[in-house]
Amino acid sequence: MEKDEKDTVIRALGALAQDNRLDVYRLLVGAGPDGLPAGQVAAALGLAPNTLSFHFDRLRQAGLVSVRREGRSLIYAARFDTMNTLISYLTEKCCGGKPELCTPAATQVLATVAIKRS
């Protein structure tokens, strides 16, 4: 299963390694589990519909977004389970089993501030 898991991680990282796709994914994360209609994403990011379709396809193939039809609209949503799996994989495999080494800097700063306030 290690090879499949690694392939999944590489696909997800590859999909996010493009500025428009990263912007799309971040917007969808901010929208929460209900997602957003494709037209709203296009308007928010100033992307042409055909360009956006290409980016949605890459994100969907990587398992990072889901799509559902509501009437005439396609609603896209971030797949939080996939991102959580990706983060877990990177923490486990890339941090030598020591997740504290990979704690984001912002989290460390917030923890330090909280300790100082105590």
C-alpha atoms as a PDB file:
ATOM      1  CA  MET A   1       0.000   0.000   0.000  1.00  0.00           C
ATOM      2  CA  GLU A   2       2.996   2.314   0.453  1.00  0.00           C
ATOM      3  CA  LYS A   3       3.347   2.804  -3.333  1.00  0.00           C
ATOM      4  CA  ASP A   4      -0.353   3.661  -3.762  1.00  0.00           C
ATOM      5  CA  GLU A   5      -0.217   6.027  -0.821  1.00  0.00           C
ATOM      6  CA  LYS A   6       2.875   7.726  -2.203  1.00  0.00           C
ATOM      7  CA  ASP A   7       1.280   8.059  -5.658  1.00  0.00           C
ATOM      8  CA  THR A   8      -1.795   9.657  -4.086  1.00  0.00           C
ATOM      9  CA  VAL A   9       0.365  12.170  -2.218  1.00  0.00           C
ATOM     10  CA  ILE A  10       2.370  13.013  -5.338  1.00  0.00           C
ATOM     11  CA  ARG A  11      -0.842  13.543  -7.350  1.00  0.00           C
ATOM     12  CA  ALA A  12      -2.285  15.840  -4.675  1.00  0.00           C
ATOM     13  CA  LEU A  13       0.894  17.869  -4.289  1.00  0.00           C
ATOM     14  CA  GLY A  14       1.228  18.122  -8.065  1.00  0.00           C
ATOM     15  CA  ALA A  15      -2.329  19.386  -8.398  1.00  0.00           C
ATOM     16  CA  LEU A  16      -1.713  22.068  -5.777  1.00  0.00           C
ATOM     17  CA  ALA A  17       1.626  23.106  -7.294  1.00  0.00           C
ATOM     18  CA  GLN A  18      -0.009  25.606  -9.646  1.00  0.00           C
ATOM     19  CA  ASP A  19      -1.127  29.061  -8.562  1.00  0.00           C
ATOM     20  CA  ASN A  20      -4.683  28.994  -9.963  1.00  0.00           C
ATOM     21  CA  ARG A  21      -5.405  25.530  -8.576  1.00  0.00           C
ATOM     22  CA  LEU A  22      -4.040  26.511  -5.185  1.00  0.00           C
ATOM     23  CA  ASP A  23      -6.272  29.610  -5.236  1.00  0.00           C
ATOM     24  CA  VAL A  24      -9.293  27.482  -6.197  1.00  0.00           C
ATOM     25  CA  TYR A  25      -8.586  24.987  -3.434  1.00  0.00           C
ATOM     26  CA  ARG A  26      -8.074  27.716  -0.816  1.00  0.00           C
ATOM     27  CA  LEU A  27     -11.355  29.365  -1.842  1.00  0.00           C
ATOM     28  CA  LEU A  28     -13.191  26.039  -1.568  1.00  0.00           C
ATOM     29  CA  VAL A  29     -11.678  25.334   1.850  1.00  0.00           C
ATOM     30  CA  GLY A  30     -12.907  28.727   2.997  1.00  0.00           C
ATOM     31  CA  ALA A  31     -16.386  27.938   1.679  1.00  0.00           C
ATOM     32  CA  GLY A  32     -16.605  24.867   3.906  1.00  0.00           C
ATOM     33  CA  PRO A  33     -18.188  21.502   3.166  1.00  0.00           C
ATOM     34  CA  ASP A  34     -21.121  22.965   1.200  1.00  0.00           C
ATOM     35  CA  GLY A  35     -18.748  24.232  -1.502  1.00  0.00           C
ATOM     36  CA  LEU A  36     -19.434  26.832  -4.173  1.00  0.00           C
ATOM     37  CA  PRO A  37     -20.986  26.915  -7.626  1.00  0.00           C
ATOM     38  CA  ALA A  38     -18.404  26.899 -10.412  1.00  0.00           C
ATOM     39  CA  GLY A  39     -19.606  30.295 -11.632  1.00  0.00           C
ATOM     40  CA  GLN A  40     -19.012  31.857  -8.245  1.00  0.00           C
ATOM     41  CA  VAL A  41     -15.480  30.432  -8.137  1.00  0.00           C
ATOM     42  CA  ALA A  42     -14.813  31.767 -11.645  1.00  0.00           C
ATOM     43  CA  ALA A  43     -16.064  35.234 -10.692  1.00  0.00           C
ATOM     44  CA  ALA A  44     -14.160  35.336  -7.397  1.00  0.00           C
ATOM     45  CA  LEU A  45     -10.861  34.378  -9.037  1.00  0.00           C
ATOM     46  CA  GLY A  46     -11.346  36.024 -12.429  1.00  0.00           C
ATOM     47  CA  LEU A  47     -10.875  32.775 -14.335  1.00  0.00           C
ATOM     48  CA  ALA A  48     -12.461  31.892 -17.671  1.00  0.00           C
ATOM     49  CA  PRO A  49     -14.918  28.958 -17.409  1.00  0.00           C
ATOM     50  CA  ASN A  50     -12.865  26.680 -19.709  1.00  0.00           C
ATOM     51  CA  THR A  51      -9.684  27.411 -17.737  1.00  0.00           C
ATOM     52  CA  LEU A  52     -11.488  26.774 -14.471  1.00  0.00           C
ATOM     53  CA  SER A  53     -12.884  23.473 -15.779  1.00  0.00           C
ATOM     54  CA  PHE A  54      -9.349  22.302 -16.523  1.00  0.00           C
ATOM     55  CA  HIS A  55      -8.208  23.195 -12.987  1.00  0.00           C
ATOM     56  CA  PHE A  56     -11.274  21.593 -11.389  1.00  0.00           C
ATOM     57  CA  ASP A  57     -10.544  18.385 -13.324  1.00  0.00           C
ATOM     58  CA  ARG A  58      -6.967  18.254 -12.044  1.00  0.00           C
ATOM     59  CA  LEU A  59      -8.091  18.853  -8.459  1.00  0.00           C
ATOM     60  CA  ARG A  60     -10.861  16.270  -8.789  1.00  0.00           C
ATOM     61  CA  GLN A  61      -8.507  13.659 -10.278  1.00  0.00           C
ATOM     62  CA  ALA A  62      -6.176  14.234  -7.328  1.00  0.00           C
ATOM     63  CA  GLY A  63      -9.067  13.629  -4.928  1.00  0.00           C
ATOM     64  CA  LEU A  64      -8.915  17.157  -3.524  1.00  0.00           C
ATOM     65  CA  VAL A  65     -12.388  18.304  -4.615  1.00  0.00           C
ATOM     66  CA  SER A  66     -15.781  16.737  -5.145  1.00  0.00           C
ATOM     67  CA  VAL A  67     -18.502  17.894  -7.494  1.00  0.00           C
ATOM     68  CA  ARG A  68     -22.269  17.560  -7.390  1.00  0.00           C
ATOM     69  CA  ARG A  69     -25.057  18.892  -9.562  1.00  0.00           C
ATOM     70  CA  GLU A  70     -27.753  21.103  -8.090  1.00  0.00           C
ATOM     71  CA  GLY A  71     -30.229  21.986 -10.803  1.00  0.00           C
ATOM     72  CA  ARG A  72     -28.162  23.513 -13.583  1.00  0.00           C
ATOM     73  CA  SER A  73     -25.191  24.340 -11.347  1.00  0.00           C
ATOM     74  CA  LEU A  74     -22.096  22.305 -10.611  1.00  0.00           C
ATOM     75  CA  ILE A  75     -21.106  22.716  -6.973  1.00  0.00           C
ATOM     76  CA  TYR A  76     -17.484  22.051  -6.084  1.00  0.00           C
ATOM     77  CA  ALA A  77     -16.288  21.387  -2.542  1.00  0.00           C
ATOM     78  CA  ALA A  78     -12.920  20.730  -0.948  1.00  0.00           C
ATOM     79  CA  ARG A  79     -12.401  17.164   0.230  1.00  0.00           C
ATOM     80  CA  PHE A  80     -11.067  17.743   3.705  1.00  0.00           C
ATOM     81  CA  ASP A  81     -10.490  14.022   4.231  1.00  0.00           C
ATOM     82  CA  THR A  82      -7.957  13.971   1.396  1.00  0.00           C
ATOM     83  CA  MET A  83      -6.094  17.004   2.743  1.00  0.00           C
ATOM     84  CA  ASN A  84      -6.058  15.525   6.239  1.00  0.00           C
ATOM     85  CA  THR A  85      -4.629  12.300   4.814  1.00  0.00           C
ATOM     86  CA  LEU A  86      -1.996  14.282   2.913  1.00  0.00           C
ATOM     87  CA  ILE A  87      -0.982  16.220   6.015  1.00  0.00           C
ATOM     88  CA  SER A  88      -0.881  13.028   8.090  1.00  0.00           C
ATOM     89  CA  TYR A  89       1.280  11.306   5.487  1.00  0.00           C
ATOM     90  CA  LEU A  90       3.731  14.204   5.334  1.00  0.00           C
ATOM     91  CA  THR A  91       3.880  14.463   9.121  1.00  0.00           C
ATOM     92  CA  GLU A  92       4.469  10.747   9.550  1.00  0.00           C
ATOM     93  CA  LYS A  93       6.823  10.134   6.628  1.00  0.00           C
ATOM     94  CA  CYS A  94       8.673  13.443   6.372  1.00  0.00           C
ATOM     95  CA  CYS A  95       9.035  14.413  10.030  1.00  0.00           C
ATOM     96  CA  GLY A  96      10.666  11.201  11.186  1.00  0.00           C
ATOM     97  CA  GLY A  97       7.683  10.306  13.348  1.00  0.00           C
ATOM     98  CA  LYS A  98       8.144  13.519  15.335  1.00  0.00           C
ATOM     99  CA  PRO A  99       5.155  15.708  14.442  1.00  0.00           C
ATOM    100  CA  GLU A 100       6.425  18.521  16.666  1.00  0.00           C
ATOM    101  CA  LEU A 101       9.223  19.062  14.125  1.00  0.00           C
ATOM    102  CA  CYS A 102       6.632  19.853  11.453  1.00  0.00           C
ATOM    103  CA  THR A 103       4.321  22.061  13.452  1.00  0.00           C
ATOM    104  CA  PRO A 104       3.568  25.140  11.362  1.00  0.00           C
ATOM    105  CA  ALA A 105       5.342  28.282  12.546  1.00  0.00           C
ATOM    106  CA  ALA A 106       2.045  30.106  13.104  1.00  0.00           C
ATOM    107  CA  THR A 107       0.881  27.367  15.479  1.00  0.00           C
ATOM    108  CA  GLN A 108       4.142  27.621  17.409  1.00  0.00           C
ATOM    109  CA  VAL A 109       3.783  31.402  17.685  1.00  0.00           C
ATOM    110  CA  LEU A 110       0.193  31.104  18.917  1.00  0.00           C
ATOM    111  CA  ALA A 111       1.232  28.515  21.498  1.00  0.00           C
ATOM    112  CA  THR A 112       4.049  30.773  22.713  1.00  0.00           C
ATOM    113  CA  VAL A 113       1.659  33.735  23.020  1.00  0.00           C
ATOM    114  CA  ALA A 114      -0.840  31.594  24.928  1.00  0.00           C
ATOM    115  CA  ILE A 115       1.868  30.455  27.355  1.00  0.00           C
ATOM    116  CA  LYS A 116       3.064  34.025  27.937  1.00  0.00           C
ATOM    117  CA  ARG A 117      -0.510  35.159  28.678  1.00  0.00           C
ATOM    118  CA  SER A 118      -0.967  32.415  31.282  1.00  0.00           C
END
